[in-house]
Protein backbone atom coordinates (compact mmCIF):
# COMPACT_ATOMS: atom_id res chain seq x y z
CA GLN A 1 0.00 0.00 0.00
CA ASN A 2 1.03 3.54 -0.70
CA HIS A 3 0.71 5.63 2.48
CA ARG A 4 1.13 9.34 1.80
CA ARG A 5 2.29 11.52 4.67
CA ASN A 6 1.21 15.11 5.14
CA SER A 7 3.38 17.95 6.43
CA TYR A 8 2.89 16.76 10.02
CA GLY A 9 4.00 13.22 9.27
CA CYS A 10 0.59 11.65 9.80
CA SER A 11 -0.93 9.53 7.07
CA SER A 12 -3.84 10.60 4.91
CA ASP A 13 -5.97 8.20 6.97
CA ASP A 14 -5.60 10.61 9.90
CA VAL A 15 -6.96 13.61 7.97
CA ASN A 16 -10.58 13.22 9.10
CA LEU A 17 -10.11 14.42 12.66
CA LYS A 18 -13.52 15.98 13.25
CA SER A 19 -15.97 14.19 15.47
CA ASP A 20 -19.64 13.67 14.63
CA SER A 21 -20.42 16.95 16.38
CA GLY A 22 -18.04 18.80 14.03
CA VAL A 23 -15.51 19.60 16.76
CA TYR A 24 -11.85 19.20 15.92
CA GLY A 25 -10.40 16.23 17.76
CA GLY A 26 -6.73 17.02 17.26
CA TYR A 27 -3.90 14.76 16.18
CA ASN A 28 -2.26 12.50 18.71
CA PRO A 29 0.75 10.63 17.38
CA GLY A 30 0.47 8.13 20.23
CA ASN A 31 3.86 9.09 21.56
CA LYS A 32 4.13 8.74 25.33
CA ASN A 33 6.95 11.30 25.38
CA CYS A 34 4.63 14.28 24.83
CA ARG A 35 5.84 17.75 25.60
CA LYS A 36 4.10 21.05 26.10
CA LEU A 37 4.15 23.39 23.12
CA PRO A 38 3.53 27.13 22.97
CA VAL A 39 0.19 28.25 21.54
CA MET A 40 -0.24 30.87 18.84
CA LEU A 41 -3.56 32.56 18.13
CA GLN A 42 -4.02 33.26 14.43
CA PHE A 43 -6.60 35.70 13.10
CA HIS A 44 -7.13 35.19 9.37
CA GLY A 45 -6.67 38.12 7.02
CA GLY A 46 -9.48 39.84 5.21
CA GLY A 47 -9.90 43.08 7.12
CA PHE A 48 -12.66 41.61 9.28
CA VAL A 49 -14.98 41.51 6.23
CA SER A 50 -13.89 38.43 4.26
CA GLY A 51 -12.11 35.13 4.63
CA SER A 52 -12.45 32.27 7.04
CA ASN A 53 -10.41 30.39 9.58
CA ALA A 54 -11.46 27.20 7.76
CA SER A 55 -10.37 28.24 4.26
CA VAL A 56 -7.85 26.08 2.42
CA ALA A 57 -5.31 28.91 2.20
CA ASN A 58 -5.57 29.67 5.91
CA ASP A 59 -5.34 25.98 6.80
CA LEU A 60 -2.14 25.61 4.78
CA PHE A 61 -0.70 28.74 6.37
CA CYS A 62 -1.47 27.51 9.89
CA ARG A 63 0.01 24.09 9.19
CA ARG A 64 3.23 25.64 7.85
CA ILE A 65 3.56 27.95 10.86
CA ALA A 66 2.85 25.10 13.29
CA LYS A 67 5.51 22.92 11.72
CA ALA A 68 8.13 25.63 11.17
CA CYS A 69 7.79 27.17 14.63
CA ASP A 70 6.87 24.01 16.57
CA VAL A 71 3.76 25.61 18.05
CA ILE A 72 0.08 24.81 18.37
CA VAL A 73 -1.88 27.17 16.14
CA LEU A 74 -5.44 28.13 17.06
CA ALA A 75 -7.12 29.66 14.01
CA VAL A 76 -9.78 31.99 15.38
CA GLY A 77 -13.13 32.18 13.64
CA TYR A 78 -14.81 35.51 14.19
CA ARG A 79 -17.94 37.31 13.02
CA LEU A 80 -17.44 39.35 9.87
CA ALA A 81 -18.66 42.82 8.90
CA PRO A 82 -20.98 44.20 7.60
CA GLU A 83 -23.38 41.58 8.95
CA ASN A 84 -21.88 42.04 12.40
CA ARG A 85 -21.06 45.56 13.50
CA TYR A 86 -17.85 46.69 15.14
CA PRO A 87 -16.54 45.51 17.64
CA ALA A 88 -17.95 42.00 17.06
CA ALA A 89 -14.70 40.56 15.62
CA PHE A 90 -12.64 41.98 18.48
CA GLU A 91 -15.09 40.63 21.07
CA ASP A 92 -14.86 37.17 19.47
CA GLY A 93 -11.06 37.33 19.62
CA LEU A 94 -11.18 38.35 23.26
CA LYS A 95 -13.50 35.42 24.05
CA VAL A 96 -11.00 33.03 22.48
CA LEU A 97 -8.17 34.58 24.47
CA HIS A 98 -10.14 34.18 27.71
CA TRP A 99 -11.06 30.60 26.79
CA LEU A 100 -7.40 29.83 26.16
CA ALA A 101 -6.38 31.34 29.49
């Protein structure tokens, strides 16, 4: 069998990491020698009016940063304008920061 590895070294069989509820389950390599990693919050570009934390481009960016810097990247999804008025995006970011703390 041909097992392709992604940039994290896990096989393509490990790609579907979301549970039935749609929540990301994370990737656990099964290594007992786990270590704590720093966490980086990432707010996708788009001037608070376009884009998504779940876009393909943003996903690739977060994966590259996580691998290059050896960090856990949390891509923040926030409400976009004009549907949501200022300061909705900032409030969403602050909620994520408090959740992380």
